[in-house]
Amino acid sequence: MGNKVKALLAVSHAVDRANDSLAVAANFCVLIACLISAGNAVSRYLFSQSSNSWLEVQWYLFAAIVMLGAPHTLRMNEHVRVDLLYNFASDKMKLLIDIGGILLFLLPACILLTALSWPWFVDSWNLNEESSNVGGL
């Protein structure tokens, strides 16, 4: 095996390890979100106490779950797709469909969403924007 191939494999293994670590973090976010949800429900129904902060924390955790878990889900080939034709395709055709989907849909969508949302993010960051909900974060 050539040195270039070994270097690429090393990079690939490092990315896989990073994705595995992110997946573990996403799993902890699921646990924390479940505990917060249960605690908020108990607090609301038993003690008539609640806070919008806990609901917002759950939304942030849900976002973290998606963002941290997406690379692992994609790597494990567990992401959602329309399997109507995919199931009947050969392994080579499945590979071509996956590569085509990534290059034609996933990457352009990521670039477009980043380009469109970046100015809003920067404005919110510079304004030190906070939640508009009473009792929110």
N, C-alpha and C. Protein backbone atom coordinates (compact mmCIF):
# COMPACT_ATOMS: atom_id res chain seq x y z
N MET A 1 0.85 -1.18 0.00
CA MET A 1 0.00 0.00 0.00
C MET A 1 0.89 1.24 0.00
N GLY A 2 0.52 2.21 -0.82
CA GLY A 2 1.32 3.43 -0.93
C GLY A 2 1.15 4.33 0.28
N ASN A 3 2.09 5.26 0.41
CA ASN A 3 2.04 6.19 1.53
C ASN A 3 0.81 7.09 1.48
N LYS A 4 0.39 7.45 0.26
CA LYS A 4 -0.79 8.31 0.13
C LYS A 4 -2.05 7.59 0.61
N VAL A 5 -2.14 6.31 0.27
CA VAL A 5 -3.31 5.53 0.69
C VAL A 5 -3.30 5.38 2.21
N LYS A 6 -2.14 5.11 2.79
CA LYS A 6 -2.04 5.00 4.25
C LYS A 6 -2.43 6.31 4.92
N ALA A 7 -1.99 7.42 4.35
CA ALA A 7 -2.33 8.72 4.92
C ALA A 7 -3.83 8.97 4.85
N LEU A 8 -4.44 8.64 3.70
CA LEU A 8 -5.89 8.81 3.56
C LEU A 8 -6.66 7.91 4.51
N LEU A 9 -6.19 6.68 4.69
CA LEU A 9 -6.84 5.77 5.64
C LEU A 9 -6.71 6.30 7.07
N ALA A 10 -5.57 6.87 7.40
CA ALA A 10 -5.39 7.44 8.73
C ALA A 10 -6.37 8.60 8.96
N VAL A 11 -6.53 9.44 7.94
CA VAL A 11 -7.49 10.54 8.05
C VAL A 11 -8.90 9.99 8.19
N SER A 12 -9.23 8.98 7.40
CA SER A 12 -10.55 8.37 7.45
C SER A 12 -10.84 7.78 8.83
N HIS A 13 -9.87 7.11 9.40
CA HIS A 13 -10.05 6.53 10.75
C HIS A 13 -10.20 7.63 11.79
N ALA A 14 -9.46 8.72 11.64
CA ALA A 14 -9.59 9.84 12.58
C ALA A 14 -10.98 10.47 12.50
N VAL A 15 -11.50 10.62 11.28
CA VAL A 15 -12.84 11.16 11.10
C VAL A 15 -13.87 10.21 11.71
N ASP A 16 -13.70 8.91 11.50
CA ASP A 16 -14.62 7.93 12.09
C ASP A 16 -14.60 8.00 13.61
N ARG A 17 -13.42 8.13 14.20
CA ARG A 17 -13.32 8.24 15.66
C ARG A 17 -14.00 9.52 16.16
N ALA A 18 -13.80 10.60 15.43
CA ALA A 18 -14.46 11.86 15.80
C ALA A 18 -15.98 11.72 15.71
N ASN A 19 -16.46 11.08 14.66
CA ASN A 19 -17.91 10.86 14.51
C ASN A 19 -18.45 9.98 15.63
N ASP A 20 -17.70 8.97 16.02
CA ASP A 20 -18.13 8.12 17.12
C ASP A 20 -18.22 8.91 18.42
N SER A 21 -17.26 9.80 18.65
CA SER A 21 -17.29 10.65 19.84
C SER A 21 -18.49 11.59 19.82
N LEU A 22 -18.77 12.16 18.66
CA LEU A 22 -19.93 13.04 18.53
C LEU A 22 -21.23 12.26 18.78
N ALA A 23 -21.27 11.01 18.32
CA ALA A 23 -22.46 10.18 18.53
C ALA A 23 -22.67 9.90 20.02
N VAL A 24 -21.59 9.68 20.76
CA VAL A 24 -21.70 9.48 22.20
C VAL A 24 -22.24 10.75 22.87
N ALA A 25 -21.74 11.90 22.43
CA ALA A 25 -22.25 13.17 22.96
C ALA A 25 -23.73 13.33 22.64
N ALA A 26 -24.15 12.95 21.42
CA ALA A 26 -25.57 13.03 21.04
C ALA A 26 -26.41 12.12 21.92
N ASN A 27 -25.89 10.94 22.23
CA ASN A 27 -26.61 10.01 23.11
C ASN A 27 -26.80 10.61 24.49
N PHE A 28 -25.79 11.28 25.02
CA PHE A 28 -25.93 11.93 26.32
C PHE A 28 -26.94 13.06 26.24
N CYS A 29 -26.99 13.77 25.13
CA CYS A 29 -27.98 14.82 24.96
C CYS A 29 -29.39 14.25 24.96
N VAL A 30 -29.57 13.07 24.39
CA VAL A 30 -30.89 12.41 24.42
C VAL A 30 -31.28 12.11 25.86
N LEU A 31 -30.34 11.56 26.62
CA LEU A 31 -30.61 11.25 28.03
C LEU A 31 -30.96 12.50 28.81
N ILE A 32 -30.18 13.54 28.64
CA ILE A 32 -30.43 14.79 29.36
C ILE A 32 -31.77 15.38 28.96
N ALA A 33 -32.10 15.35 27.67
CA ALA A 33 -33.39 15.89 27.20
C ALA A 33 -34.55 15.10 27.81
N CYS A 34 -34.41 13.79 27.89
CA CYS A 34 -35.47 12.96 28.49
C CYS A 34 -35.63 13.28 29.98
N LEU A 35 -34.53 13.43 30.68
CA LEU A 35 -34.59 13.74 32.11
C LEU A 35 -35.21 15.13 32.34
N ILE A 36 -34.82 16.09 31.52
CA ILE A 36 -35.40 17.44 31.65
C ILE A 36 -36.89 17.41 31.34
N SER A 37 -37.27 16.68 30.31
CA SER A 37 -38.68 16.58 29.94
C SER A 37 -39.50 15.95 31.06
N ALA A 38 -38.98 14.86 31.61
CA ALA A 38 -39.69 14.19 32.70
C ALA A 38 -39.74 15.08 33.93
N GLY A 39 -38.62 15.72 34.26
CA GLY A 39 -38.58 16.60 35.42
C GLY A 39 -39.51 17.78 35.26
N ASN A 40 -39.58 18.34 34.08
CA ASN A 40 -40.46 19.46 33.83
C ASN A 40 -41.93 19.04 33.94
N ALA A 41 -42.25 17.85 33.43
CA ALA A 41 -43.63 17.36 33.53
C ALA A 41 -44.01 17.11 34.99
N VAL A 42 -43.12 16.50 35.75
CA VAL A 42 -43.40 16.23 37.16
C VAL A 42 -43.57 17.55 37.91
N SER A 43 -42.67 18.50 37.65
CA SER A 43 -42.75 19.80 38.31
C SER A 43 -44.04 20.53 37.97
N ARG A 44 -44.43 20.43 36.70
CA ARG A 44 -45.63 21.14 36.25
C ARG A 44 -46.90 20.52 36.84
N TYR A 45 -47.00 19.20 36.85
CA TYR A 45 -48.24 18.55 37.28
C TYR A 45 -48.32 18.33 38.79
N LEU A 46 -47.20 18.11 39.44
CA LEU A 46 -47.25 17.88 40.89
C LEU A 46 -47.16 19.18 41.69
N PHE A 47 -46.36 20.12 41.20
CA PHE A 47 -46.10 21.32 41.98
C PHE A 47 -46.61 22.59 41.31
N SER A 48 -47.23 22.45 40.16
CA SER A 48 -47.73 23.61 39.38
C SER A 48 -46.62 24.65 39.14
N GLN A 49 -45.41 24.17 38.95
CA GLN A 49 -44.26 25.03 38.67
C GLN A 49 -43.65 24.61 37.33
N SER A 50 -43.32 25.60 36.52
CA SER A 50 -42.68 25.31 35.25
C SER A 50 -41.92 26.54 34.81
N SER A 51 -41.07 26.36 33.82
CA SER A 51 -40.29 27.48 33.32
C SER A 51 -40.06 27.28 31.83
N ASN A 52 -40.14 28.37 31.08
CA ASN A 52 -39.84 28.30 29.66
C ASN A 52 -38.38 27.97 29.41
N SER A 53 -37.53 28.25 30.39
CA SER A 53 -36.11 27.93 30.25
C SER A 53 -35.90 26.45 30.00
N TRP A 54 -36.62 25.61 30.72
CA TRP A 54 -36.46 24.16 30.54
C TRP A 54 -36.90 23.72 29.16
N LEU A 55 -37.96 24.34 28.64
CA LEU A 55 -38.41 24.00 27.29
C LEU A 55 -37.39 24.43 26.25
N GLU A 56 -36.78 25.60 26.47
CA GLU A 56 -35.77 26.06 25.53
C GLU A 56 -34.51 25.19 25.60
N VAL A 57 -34.16 24.75 26.79
CA VAL A 57 -33.02 23.84 26.91
C VAL A 57 -33.28 22.57 26.11
N GLN A 58 -34.51 22.07 26.16
CA GLN A 58 -34.86 20.88 25.38
C GLN A 58 -34.69 21.15 23.89
N TRP A 59 -35.11 22.30 23.40
CA TRP A 59 -34.95 22.62 21.98
C TRP A 59 -33.48 22.67 21.60
N TYR A 60 -32.66 23.25 22.46
CA TYR A 60 -31.22 23.29 22.17
C TYR A 60 -30.63 21.88 22.16
N LEU A 61 -31.11 21.06 23.08
CA LEU A 61 -30.62 19.68 23.11
C LEU A 61 -31.07 18.91 21.87
N PHE A 62 -32.30 19.13 21.43
CA PHE A 62 -32.77 18.46 20.21
C PHE A 62 -31.90 18.87 19.02
N ALA A 63 -31.57 20.16 18.93
CA ALA A 63 -30.69 20.63 17.86
C ALA A 63 -29.32 19.97 17.96
N ALA A 64 -28.80 19.86 19.17
CA ALA A 64 -27.49 19.21 19.37
C ALA A 64 -27.55 17.74 18.98
N ILE A 65 -28.66 17.08 19.31
CA ILE A 65 -28.81 15.66 18.96
C ILE A 65 -28.73 15.48 17.45
N VAL A 66 -29.45 16.33 16.72
CA VAL A 66 -29.44 16.23 15.26
C VAL A 66 -28.06 16.54 14.70
N MET A 67 -27.47 17.64 15.14
CA MET A 67 -26.19 18.06 14.58
C MET A 67 -25.05 17.13 14.96
N LEU A 68 -25.05 16.64 16.19
CA LEU A 68 -23.97 15.75 16.63
C LEU A 68 -24.18 14.31 16.13
N GLY A 69 -25.43 13.90 15.97
CA GLY A 69 -25.72 12.54 15.57
C GLY A 69 -25.76 12.31 14.07
N ALA A 70 -25.91 13.38 13.29
CA ALA A 70 -26.03 13.25 11.84
C ALA A 70 -24.82 12.59 11.19
N PRO A 71 -23.59 12.96 11.54
CA PRO A 71 -22.45 12.30 10.88
C PRO A 71 -22.41 10.79 11.12
N HIS A 72 -22.71 10.39 12.34
CA HIS A 72 -22.71 8.95 12.66
C HIS A 72 -23.84 8.23 11.93
N THR A 73 -25.00 8.87 11.88
CA THR A 73 -26.14 8.28 11.18
C THR A 73 -25.82 8.10 9.70
N LEU A 74 -25.20 9.10 9.10
CA LEU A 74 -24.81 9.01 7.69
C LEU A 74 -23.77 7.91 7.50
N ARG A 75 -22.80 7.85 8.40
CA ARG A 75 -21.74 6.84 8.30
C ARG A 75 -22.30 5.41 8.42
N MET A 76 -23.28 5.24 9.29
CA MET A 76 -23.86 3.91 9.51
C MET A 76 -24.95 3.60 8.48
N ASN A 77 -25.17 4.51 7.54
CA ASN A 77 -26.16 4.33 6.47
C ASN A 77 -27.57 4.14 7.03
N GLU A 78 -27.89 4.88 8.08
CA GLU A 78 -29.19 4.78 8.74
C GLU A 78 -30.07 6.00 8.49
N HIS A 79 -29.61 6.89 7.61
CA HIS A 79 -30.36 8.11 7.35
C HIS A 79 -31.61 7.80 6.52
N VAL A 80 -32.52 8.74 6.53
CA VAL A 80 -33.79 8.57 5.83
C VAL A 80 -33.59 8.82 4.35
N ARG A 81 -34.11 7.93 3.54
CA ARG A 81 -34.09 8.12 2.09
C ARG A 81 -35.31 7.39 1.52
N VAL A 82 -35.62 7.69 0.30
CA VAL A 82 -36.72 7.00 -0.37
C VAL A 82 -36.16 5.70 -0.92
N ASP A 83 -36.55 4.59 -0.32
CA ASP A 83 -35.97 3.30 -0.65
C ASP A 83 -36.71 2.54 -1.74
N LEU A 84 -37.65 3.19 -2.40
CA LEU A 84 -38.46 2.51 -3.41
C LEU A 84 -37.60 1.86 -4.48
N LEU A 85 -36.67 2.57 -5.05
CA LEU A 85 -35.79 2.03 -6.08
C LEU A 85 -34.47 1.54 -5.49
N TYR A 86 -34.05 2.16 -4.40
CA TYR A 86 -32.76 1.87 -3.79
C TYR A 86 -32.66 0.39 -3.38
N ASN A 87 -33.75 -0.16 -2.84
CA ASN A 87 -33.73 -1.55 -2.36
C ASN A 87 -33.49 -2.56 -3.49
N PHE A 88 -33.89 -2.21 -4.69
CA PHE A 88 -33.75 -3.14 -5.81
C PHE A 88 -32.47 -2.93 -6.60
N ALA A 89 -31.69 -1.92 -6.23
CA ALA A 89 -30.46 -1.60 -6.95
C ALA A 89 -29.31 -2.51 -6.52
N SER A 90 -28.35 -2.67 -7.42
CA SER A 90 -27.15 -3.44 -7.08
C SER A 90 -26.29 -2.61 -6.13
N ASP A 91 -25.30 -3.25 -5.52
CA ASP A 91 -24.42 -2.54 -4.59
C ASP A 91 -23.70 -1.38 -5.28
N LYS A 92 -23.28 -1.60 -6.53
CA LYS A 92 -22.60 -0.54 -7.26
C LYS A 92 -23.54 0.62 -7.53
N MET A 93 -24.78 0.32 -7.90
CA MET A 93 -25.76 1.38 -8.15
C MET A 93 -26.10 2.12 -6.85
N LYS A 94 -26.18 1.38 -5.72
CA LYS A 94 -26.43 2.03 -4.42
C LYS A 94 -25.32 3.02 -4.09
N LEU A 95 -24.08 2.61 -4.36
CA LEU A 95 -22.93 3.48 -4.12
C LEU A 95 -23.02 4.74 -4.98
N LEU A 96 -23.36 4.57 -6.25
CA LEU A 96 -23.51 5.72 -7.14
C LEU A 96 -24.65 6.64 -6.70
N ILE A 97 -25.74 6.05 -6.26
CA ILE A 97 -26.87 6.85 -5.76
C ILE A 97 -26.44 7.64 -4.52
N ASP A 98 -25.72 6.98 -3.60
CA ASP A 98 -25.25 7.65 -2.39
C ASP A 98 -24.30 8.80 -2.71
N ILE A 99 -23.33 8.55 -3.56
CA ILE A 99 -22.37 9.59 -3.93
C ILE A 99 -23.08 10.73 -4.66
N GLY A 100 -23.96 10.37 -5.60
CA GLY A 100 -24.71 11.40 -6.32
C GLY A 100 -25.58 12.22 -5.39
N GLY A 101 -26.24 11.56 -4.44
CA GLY A 101 -27.08 12.28 -3.48
C GLY A 101 -26.29 13.24 -2.62
N ILE A 102 -25.11 12.79 -2.19
CA ILE A 102 -24.25 13.66 -1.38
C ILE A 102 -23.78 14.86 -2.19
N LEU A 103 -23.28 14.60 -3.41
CA LEU A 103 -22.72 15.68 -4.22
C LEU A 103 -23.78 16.62 -4.79
N LEU A 104 -24.94 16.08 -5.17
CA LEU A 104 -25.96 16.89 -5.83
C LEU A 104 -26.97 17.52 -4.87
N PHE A 105 -27.15 16.91 -3.69
CA PHE A 105 -28.18 17.41 -2.78
C PHE A 105 -27.63 17.82 -1.41
N LEU A 106 -26.91 16.93 -0.73
CA LEU A 106 -26.48 17.22 0.63
C LEU A 106 -25.49 18.38 0.71
N LEU A 107 -24.40 18.30 -0.04
CA LEU A 107 -23.40 19.37 0.03
C LEU A 107 -23.94 20.72 -0.45
N PRO A 108 -24.64 20.77 -1.60
CA PRO A 108 -25.20 22.08 -2.00
C PRO A 108 -26.20 22.62 -0.97
N ALA A 109 -27.01 21.76 -0.37
CA ALA A 109 -27.97 22.22 0.64
C ALA A 109 -27.23 22.77 1.86
N CYS A 110 -26.17 22.10 2.29
CA CYS A 110 -25.39 22.58 3.43
C CYS A 110 -24.75 23.93 3.12
N ILE A 111 -24.20 24.07 1.93
CA ILE A 111 -23.57 25.33 1.53
C ILE A 111 -24.61 26.44 1.45
N LEU A 112 -25.76 26.15 0.84
CA LEU A 112 -26.81 27.15 0.70
C LEU A 112 -27.36 27.58 2.07
N LEU A 113 -27.66 26.62 2.92
CA LEU A 113 -28.19 26.95 4.24
C LEU A 113 -27.18 27.74 5.07
N THR A 114 -25.91 27.38 4.97
CA THR A 114 -24.88 28.13 5.68
C THR A 114 -24.79 29.56 5.16
N ALA A 115 -24.77 29.71 3.85
CA ALA A 115 -24.67 31.04 3.25
C ALA A 115 -25.88 31.90 3.61
N LEU A 116 -27.08 31.31 3.61
CA LEU A 116 -28.28 32.10 3.89
C LEU A 116 -28.44 32.42 5.38
N SER A 117 -28.01 31.52 6.25
CA SER A 117 -28.23 31.73 7.68
C SER A 117 -27.09 32.46 8.38
N TRP A 118 -25.91 32.47 7.78
CA TRP A 118 -24.76 33.09 8.42
C TRP A 118 -24.98 34.56 8.78
N PRO A 119 -25.52 35.40 7.89
CA PRO A 119 -25.73 36.81 8.28
C PRO A 119 -26.67 36.96 9.48
N TRP A 120 -27.71 36.16 9.55
CA TRP A 120 -28.62 36.22 10.70
C TRP A 120 -27.91 35.81 11.98
N PHE A 121 -27.09 34.77 11.89
CA PHE A 121 -26.33 34.33 13.05
C PHE A 121 -25.40 35.44 13.54
N VAL A 122 -24.68 36.05 12.62
CA VAL A 122 -23.73 37.10 12.99
C VAL A 122 -24.47 38.28 13.63
N ASP A 123 -25.60 38.68 13.05
CA ASP A 123 -26.39 39.77 13.63
C ASP A 123 -26.85 39.42 15.04
N SER A 124 -27.38 38.23 15.23
CA SER A 124 -27.85 37.81 16.55
C SER A 124 -26.70 37.78 17.54
N TRP A 125 -25.58 37.28 17.11
CA TRP A 125 -24.40 37.20 17.99
C TRP A 125 -23.93 38.59 18.39
N ASN A 126 -23.84 39.49 17.40
CA ASN A 126 -23.37 40.84 17.69
C ASN A 126 -24.33 41.63 18.58
N LEU A 127 -25.62 41.36 18.45
CA LEU A 127 -26.62 42.03 19.27
C LEU A 127 -26.77 41.38 20.64
N ASN A 128 -26.09 40.24 20.84
CA ASN A 128 -26.23 39.47 22.08
C ASN A 128 -27.70 39.14 22.31
N GLU A 129 -28.35 38.66 21.25
CA GLU A 129 -29.78 38.39 21.25
C GLU A 129 -30.14 37.33 22.29
N GLU A 130 -31.29 37.55 22.92
CA GLU A 130 -31.80 36.62 23.93
C GLU A 130 -33.19 36.18 23.52
N SER A 131 -33.69 35.20 24.24
CA SER A 131 -35.02 34.67 23.97
C SER A 131 -36.08 35.73 24.19
N SER A 132 -37.10 35.70 23.36
CA SER A 132 -38.22 36.62 23.54
C SER A 132 -39.27 36.03 24.46
N ASN A 133 -39.13 34.76 24.85
CA ASN A 133 -40.07 34.11 25.76
C ASN A 133 -39.85 34.58 27.19
N VAL A 134 -40.93 34.82 27.90
CA VAL A 134 -40.84 35.19 29.31
C VAL A 134 -40.25 34.00 30.07
N GLY A 135 -39.20 34.23 30.79
CA GLY A 135 -38.54 33.15 31.53
C GLY A 135 -37.65 32.28 30.68
N GLY A 136 -37.43 32.68 29.43
CA GLY A 136 -36.58 31.89 28.54
C GLY A 136 -35.11 32.15 28.80
N LEU A 137 -34.29 31.50 28.03
CA LEU A 137 -32.85 31.64 28.22
C LEU A 137 -32.32 32.90 27.57
